[in-house]
Amino acid sequence: MQLSRFTDYSLRVLLYLAINHSKRATLHEIADFYPLSLEHLRKVVHALAKSGYLRTFRGKFGGIELALEARDIRIGDVVRKFEGQQALLDCAELACRLNPACTLKAVLKEGQDAFFSSLNDYSLADLVGTRTDMVRLLFNEVA
């Protein structure tokens, strides 16, 4: 399973904002930092705000910030929100003779559920804890 770019960018935006939680960020800052397309990033931020993960502010002192505490944002929930829960295997689309007795779909569903459950063991705060090398590198870049 590979995450879509949209989900990848969503996680990157959340990480950036969690690390820089003391101030509002702008789309331009984030686009320059990673570097990402400003237009694609705008769509990602809109979806994150619509989903309740971000607050957006217009005007001279505008920007974006987390709408929730980083400890309350579960990674599995974010991935599930933007990847969806589509089955890994769509047996309805196939004319498979094994379909009436096949257990593959159930096994794949169990694995998919375990994947999301495992990701939900981690919050955004867990990912940006000061003990990680990633955070030190990002703080050096951002500070």
Protein backbone atom coordinates (compact mmCIF):
# COMPACT_ATOMS: atom_id res chain seq x y z
CA MET A 1 0.00 0.00 0.00
CA GLN A 2 1.33 3.41 -0.90
CA LEU A 3 -0.11 6.64 0.43
CA SER A 4 -1.32 9.21 -2.05
CA ARG A 5 0.57 12.47 -2.37
CA PHE A 6 -2.47 14.21 -0.91
CA THR A 7 -2.20 12.17 2.29
CA ASP A 8 1.58 12.59 2.35
CA TYR A 9 1.25 16.36 2.04
CA SER A 10 -1.47 16.38 4.70
CA LEU A 11 0.84 14.67 7.15
CA ARG A 12 3.70 17.01 6.25
CA VAL A 13 1.51 20.08 6.88
CA LEU A 14 0.43 18.70 10.25
CA LEU A 15 4.04 17.93 11.20
CA TYR A 16 5.18 21.41 10.22
CA LEU A 17 2.43 23.05 12.25
CA ALA A 18 2.99 20.81 15.28
CA ILE A 19 6.69 21.60 15.32
CA ASN A 20 6.06 25.33 14.86
CA HIS A 21 3.04 25.48 17.17
CA SER A 22 4.05 28.81 18.70
CA LYS A 23 3.08 30.79 15.60
CA ARG A 24 0.73 30.67 12.65
CA ALA A 25 2.26 29.47 9.43
CA THR A 26 1.48 30.59 5.91
CA LEU A 27 0.99 28.50 2.82
CA HIS A 28 4.07 30.11 1.29
CA GLU A 29 6.23 29.13 4.29
CA ILE A 30 5.17 25.50 4.09
CA ALA A 31 5.42 25.38 0.30
CA ASP A 32 8.95 26.80 0.48
CA PHE A 33 10.01 24.54 3.33
CA TYR A 34 9.15 21.20 1.73
CA PRO A 35 9.04 22.43 -1.40
CA LEU A 36 5.52 21.81 -2.66
CA SER A 37 3.22 23.30 -5.25
CA LEU A 38 1.35 26.20 -3.67
CA GLU A 39 -1.87 25.33 -5.49
CA HIS A 40 -1.77 21.68 -4.43
CA LEU A 41 -0.92 22.72 -0.89
CA ARG A 42 -3.90 25.09 -0.87
CA LYS A 43 -6.21 22.13 -1.60
CA VAL A 44 -4.59 20.05 1.12
CA VAL A 45 -4.94 22.82 3.71
CA HIS A 46 -8.56 23.37 2.70
CA ALA A 47 -9.32 19.66 3.21
CA LEU A 48 -7.50 19.61 6.55
CA ALA A 49 -9.46 22.66 7.73
CA LYS A 50 -12.75 21.23 6.50
CA SER A 51 -11.95 18.01 8.39
CA GLY A 52 -11.37 19.93 11.63
CA TYR A 53 -7.60 19.50 11.85
CA LEU A 54 -6.71 23.14 11.05
CA ARG A 55 -7.94 26.66 11.65
CA THR A 56 -7.35 29.21 8.94
CA PHE A 57 -7.18 32.97 9.35
CA ARG A 58 -7.34 35.61 6.64
CA GLY A 59 -5.79 39.03 6.56
CA LYS A 60 -2.55 40.67 7.56
CA PHE A 61 -2.07 38.42 10.59
CA GLY A 62 -3.60 35.40 8.91
CA GLY A 63 -2.22 31.95 8.44
CA ILE A 64 -2.95 28.44 9.56
CA GLU A 65 -2.60 26.56 12.84
CA LEU A 66 -3.65 23.27 14.34
CA ALA A 67 -7.27 23.23 15.47
CA LEU A 68 -6.57 20.35 17.86
CA GLU A 69 -3.78 19.55 20.26
CA ALA A 70 -1.09 17.47 18.54
CA ARG A 71 -1.68 14.69 21.09
CA ASP A 72 -5.32 14.47 19.91
CA ILE A 73 -4.49 13.95 16.22
CA ARG A 74 -4.13 10.23 15.56
CA ILE A 75 -2.05 9.37 12.51
CA GLY A 76 -4.31 6.47 11.51
CA ASP A 77 -7.36 8.74 11.55
CA VAL A 78 -5.65 11.23 9.22
CA VAL A 79 -4.53 8.51 6.82
CA ARG A 80 -7.96 6.86 6.86
CA LYS A 81 -9.65 10.23 6.26
CA PHE A 82 -7.64 11.00 3.14
CA GLU A 83 -7.03 7.51 1.81
CA GLY A 84 -10.56 6.31 2.49
CA GLN A 85 -11.56 2.84 3.52
CA GLN A 86 -11.86 1.32 0.09
CA ALA A 87 -11.32 -2.40 0.17
CA LEU A 88 -7.89 -3.54 -1.00
CA LEU A 89 -9.60 -6.07 -3.23
CA ASP A 90 -12.86 -5.41 -5.09
CA CYS A 91 -14.35 -8.82 -5.71
CA ALA A 92 -17.55 -7.34 -7.12
CA GLU A 93 -15.61 -6.07 -10.14
CA LEU A 94 -14.12 -9.45 -10.94
CA ALA A 95 -15.82 -12.45 -12.43
CA CYS A 96 -13.89 -14.80 -10.17
CA ARG A 97 -15.06 -18.38 -9.85
CA LEU A 98 -13.54 -18.61 -6.38
CA ASN A 99 -15.58 -15.70 -5.01
CA PRO A 100 -18.26 -17.76 -3.21
CA ALA A 101 -15.66 -19.62 -1.12
CA CYS A 102 -12.72 -17.19 -1.11
CA THR A 103 -11.45 -15.78 2.17
CA LEU A 104 -8.81 -13.50 0.65
CA LYS A 105 -11.01 -10.40 0.88
CA ALA A 106 -11.59 -10.99 4.60
CA VAL A 107 -7.87 -11.52 5.24
CA LEU A 108 -6.97 -8.31 3.38
CA LYS A 109 -9.65 -6.38 5.32
CA GLU A 110 -8.19 -7.69 8.58
CA GLY A 111 -4.73 -6.53 7.49
CA GLN A 112 -6.04 -3.13 6.45
CA ASP A 113 -7.80 -2.69 9.80
CA ALA A 114 -4.59 -3.68 11.60
CA PHE A 115 -2.67 -1.11 9.53
CA PHE A 116 -4.96 1.75 10.58
CA SER A 117 -5.05 0.51 14.17
CA SER A 118 -1.25 0.41 14.30
CA LEU A 119 -1.02 3.96 12.93
CA ASN A 120 -3.51 5.10 15.56
CA ASP A 121 -1.05 4.00 18.23
CA TYR A 122 0.75 7.25 17.38
CA SER A 123 -0.37 10.83 17.71
CA LEU A 124 1.08 13.83 15.94
CA ALA A 125 2.74 14.72 19.25
CA ASP A 126 4.51 11.36 19.26
CA LEU A 127 6.00 12.14 15.86
CA VAL A 128 7.36 15.54 16.86
CA GLY A 129 8.63 14.70 20.33
CA THR A 130 11.94 16.47 20.99
CA ARG A 131 13.69 13.11 21.26
CA THR A 132 13.72 12.50 17.51
CA ASP A 133 16.40 13.45 15.02
CA MET A 134 13.70 14.62 12.62
CA VAL A 135 12.55 17.31 15.03
CA ARG A 136 16.08 18.56 15.62
CA LEU A 137 16.62 18.80 11.86
CA LEU A 138 13.33 20.59 11.32
CA PHE A 139 13.97 23.03 14.14
CA ASN A 140 17.35 23.86 12.66
CA GLU A 141 15.69 24.55 9.31
CA VAL A 142 12.70 26.44 10.69
CA ALA A 143 14.27 28.39 13.54
